[in-house]
Amino acid sequence: MDGDEPEDPVHSQACQALGRSRGGLTTKVHLAVDCRGLPLSIVLTPGGVNDATAFADVLKGVRTPRAGTGRPRTTTDRVLGDKAYSSRASVIC
């Protein structure tokens, strides 16, 4: 590549959730799991992104199956997170 070609959006760093740090390229994995540790939602962000900014995206991806028939639930009864997810916006969600 000589730099004149447009960047391929499929292979760009933004699409791959890659961030730069002193150690190289980094990625953070944000998970929402149920009480058994089974994943309900997975969000990838570049390593330099603040954890609290990914909180809403993680919750948007949660789909809890119902005991009977019907659409999965999209709201949760309780949410627990570590200190990295604490912010005013997270409390409001």
C-alpha atoms as a PDB file:
ATOM      1  CA  MET A   1       0.000   0.000   0.000  1.00  0.00           C
ATOM      2  CA  ASP A   2       1.308   3.413  -0.862  1.00  0.00           C
ATOM      3  CA  GLY A   3      -1.019   5.416   1.395  1.00  0.00           C
ATOM      4  CA  ASP A   4      -3.153   6.784  -1.451  1.00  0.00           C
ATOM      5  CA  GLU A   5      -5.663   3.949  -1.296  1.00  0.00           C
ATOM      6  CA  PRO A   6      -8.707   4.338   0.975  1.00  0.00           C
ATOM      7  CA  GLU A   7      -8.627   2.259   4.140  1.00  0.00           C
ATOM      8  CA  ASP A   8     -10.611  -0.975   3.959  1.00  0.00           C
ATOM      9  CA  PRO A   9     -13.474  -0.506   6.478  1.00  0.00           C
ATOM     10  CA  VAL A  10     -13.648  -4.241   7.207  1.00  0.00           C
ATOM     11  CA  HIS A  11     -10.008  -4.347   8.273  1.00  0.00           C
ATOM     12  CA  SER A  12      -9.752  -0.939   9.940  1.00  0.00           C
ATOM     13  CA  GLN A  13      -8.729  -0.740  13.596  1.00  0.00           C
ATOM     14  CA  ALA A  14     -12.040   0.852  14.597  1.00  0.00           C
ATOM     15  CA  CYS A  15     -14.018  -2.125  13.271  1.00  0.00           C
ATOM     16  CA  GLN A  16     -11.705  -4.560  15.046  1.00  0.00           C
ATOM     17  CA  ALA A  17     -11.861  -2.742  18.427  1.00  0.00           C
ATOM     18  CA  LEU A  18      -8.099  -2.217  18.478  1.00  0.00           C
ATOM     19  CA  GLY A  19      -6.525   0.541  20.539  1.00  0.00           C
ATOM     20  CA  ARG A  20      -2.907   1.590  20.951  1.00  0.00           C
ATOM     21  CA  SER A  21      -0.877   1.575  24.140  1.00  0.00           C
ATOM     22  CA  ARG A  22       2.810   1.554  24.972  1.00  0.00           C
ATOM     23  CA  GLY A  23       2.715  -2.244  24.752  1.00  0.00           C
ATOM     24  CA  GLY A  24       1.116  -2.321  21.300  1.00  0.00           C
ATOM     25  CA  LEU A  25      -2.428  -2.968  20.177  1.00  0.00           C
ATOM     26  CA  THR A  26      -4.990  -3.640  22.908  1.00  0.00           C
ATOM     27  CA  THR A  27      -8.639  -4.670  23.145  1.00  0.00           C
ATOM     28  CA  LYS A  28     -11.028  -4.811  26.104  1.00  0.00           C
ATOM     29  CA  VAL A  29     -13.768  -7.411  26.417  1.00  0.00           C
ATOM     30  CA  HIS A  30     -16.854  -6.318  28.384  1.00  0.00           C
ATOM     31  CA  LEU A  31     -19.184  -9.125  29.470  1.00  0.00           C
ATOM     32  CA  ALA A  32     -22.576  -9.418  31.084  1.00  0.00           C
ATOM     33  CA  VAL A  33     -23.102 -12.878  32.579  1.00  0.00           C
ATOM     34  CA  ASP A  34     -25.899 -14.591  34.485  1.00  0.00           C
ATOM     35  CA  CYS A  35     -25.608 -16.124  37.955  1.00  0.00           C
ATOM     36  CA  ARG A  36     -24.070 -19.277  36.448  1.00  0.00           C
ATOM     37  CA  GLY A  37     -21.401 -17.331  34.550  1.00  0.00           C
ATOM     38  CA  LEU A  38     -22.977 -17.857  31.136  1.00  0.00           C
ATOM     39  CA  PRO A  39     -22.499 -14.858  28.820  1.00  0.00           C
ATOM     40  CA  LEU A  40     -25.550 -12.724  28.058  1.00  0.00           C
ATOM     41  CA  SER A  41     -23.790  -9.889  26.206  1.00  0.00           C
ATOM     42  CA  ILE A  42     -20.282  -9.308  24.830  1.00  0.00           C
ATOM     43  CA  VAL A  43     -18.915  -5.923  23.708  1.00  0.00           C
ATOM     44  CA  LEU A  44     -15.391  -5.283  22.382  1.00  0.00           C
ATOM     45  CA  THR A  45     -13.779  -1.845  22.675  1.00  0.00           C
ATOM     46  CA  PRO A  46     -10.306  -0.469  22.014  1.00  0.00           C
ATOM     47  CA  GLY A  47      -8.078  -0.817  25.076  1.00  0.00           C
ATOM     48  CA  GLY A  48      -7.936   2.911  25.808  1.00  0.00           C
ATOM     49  CA  VAL A  49     -11.713   3.336  26.117  1.00  0.00           C
ATOM     50  CA  ASN A  50     -13.100   3.985  29.598  1.00  0.00           C
ATOM     51  CA  ASP A  51     -15.054   0.997  30.965  1.00  0.00           C
ATOM     52  CA  ALA A  52     -18.009   3.145  32.050  1.00  0.00           C
ATOM     53  CA  THR A  53     -18.614   4.228  28.432  1.00  0.00           C
ATOM     54  CA  ALA A  54     -19.213   0.602  27.373  1.00  0.00           C
ATOM     55  CA  PHE A  55     -21.712  -0.067  30.175  1.00  0.00           C
ATOM     56  CA  ALA A  56     -24.822   1.006  28.238  1.00  0.00           C
ATOM     57  CA  ASP A  57     -23.776  -1.012  25.176  1.00  0.00           C
ATOM     58  CA  VAL A  58     -23.275  -4.119  27.310  1.00  0.00           C
ATOM     59  CA  LEU A  59     -26.744  -3.752  28.841  1.00  0.00           C
ATOM     60  CA  LYS A  60     -28.349  -3.163  25.422  1.00  0.00           C
ATOM     61  CA  GLY A  61     -27.065  -6.559  24.309  1.00  0.00           C
ATOM     62  CA  VAL A  62     -28.640  -8.499  27.199  1.00  0.00           C
ATOM     63  CA  ARG A  63     -31.440 -10.841  26.159  1.00  0.00           C
ATOM     64  CA  THR A  64     -32.703 -13.057  28.995  1.00  0.00           C
ATOM     65  CA  PRO A  65     -34.803 -16.041  27.903  1.00  0.00           C
ATOM     66  CA  ARG A  66     -38.235 -16.376  29.491  1.00  0.00           C
ATOM     67  CA  ALA A  67     -39.274 -19.532  31.333  1.00  0.00           C
ATOM     68  CA  GLY A  68     -42.250 -20.034  29.002  1.00  0.00           C
ATOM     69  CA  THR A  69     -42.927 -18.831  25.508  1.00  0.00           C
ATOM     70  CA  GLY A  70     -42.454 -15.269  24.362  1.00  0.00           C
ATOM     71  CA  ARG A  71     -39.775 -12.796  23.444  1.00  0.00           C
ATOM     72  CA  PRO A  72     -36.628 -12.628  25.577  1.00  0.00           C
ATOM     73  CA  ARG A  73     -36.514  -9.979  28.313  1.00  0.00           C
ATOM     74  CA  THR A  74     -34.345  -6.959  27.620  1.00  0.00           C
ATOM     75  CA  THR A  75     -34.404  -5.489  31.128  1.00  0.00           C
ATOM     76  CA  THR A  76     -32.628  -6.877  34.153  1.00  0.00           C
ATOM     77  CA  ASP A  77     -33.701  -7.048  37.791  1.00  0.00           C
ATOM     78  CA  ARG A  78     -30.220  -6.397  39.191  1.00  0.00           C
ATOM     79  CA  VAL A  79     -26.827  -5.432  37.818  1.00  0.00           C
ATOM     80  CA  LEU A  80     -23.509  -5.806  39.625  1.00  0.00           C
ATOM     81  CA  GLY A  81     -20.262  -4.338  38.361  1.00  0.00           C
ATOM     82  CA  ASP A  82     -16.819  -3.491  39.589  1.00  0.00           C
ATOM     83  CA  LYS A  83     -15.555   0.021  40.332  1.00  0.00           C
ATOM     84  CA  ALA A  84     -14.518   0.637  36.723  1.00  0.00           C
ATOM     85  CA  TYR A  85     -18.185   0.762  35.691  1.00  0.00           C
ATOM     86  CA  SER A  86     -19.227   3.291  38.325  1.00  0.00           C
ATOM     87  CA  SER A  87     -20.405   6.605  36.934  1.00  0.00           C
ATOM     88  CA  ARG A  88     -23.520   8.746  37.159  1.00  0.00           C
ATOM     89  CA  ALA A  89     -24.675   7.494  33.776  1.00  0.00           C
ATOM     90  CA  SER A  90     -24.361   3.871  34.931  1.00  0.00           C
ATOM     91  CA  VAL A  91     -26.445   4.508  38.032  1.00  0.00           C
ATOM     92  CA  ILE A  92     -29.237   6.025  35.922  1.00  0.00           C
ATOM     93  CA  CYS A  93     -29.351   3.037  33.536  1.00  0.00           C
END
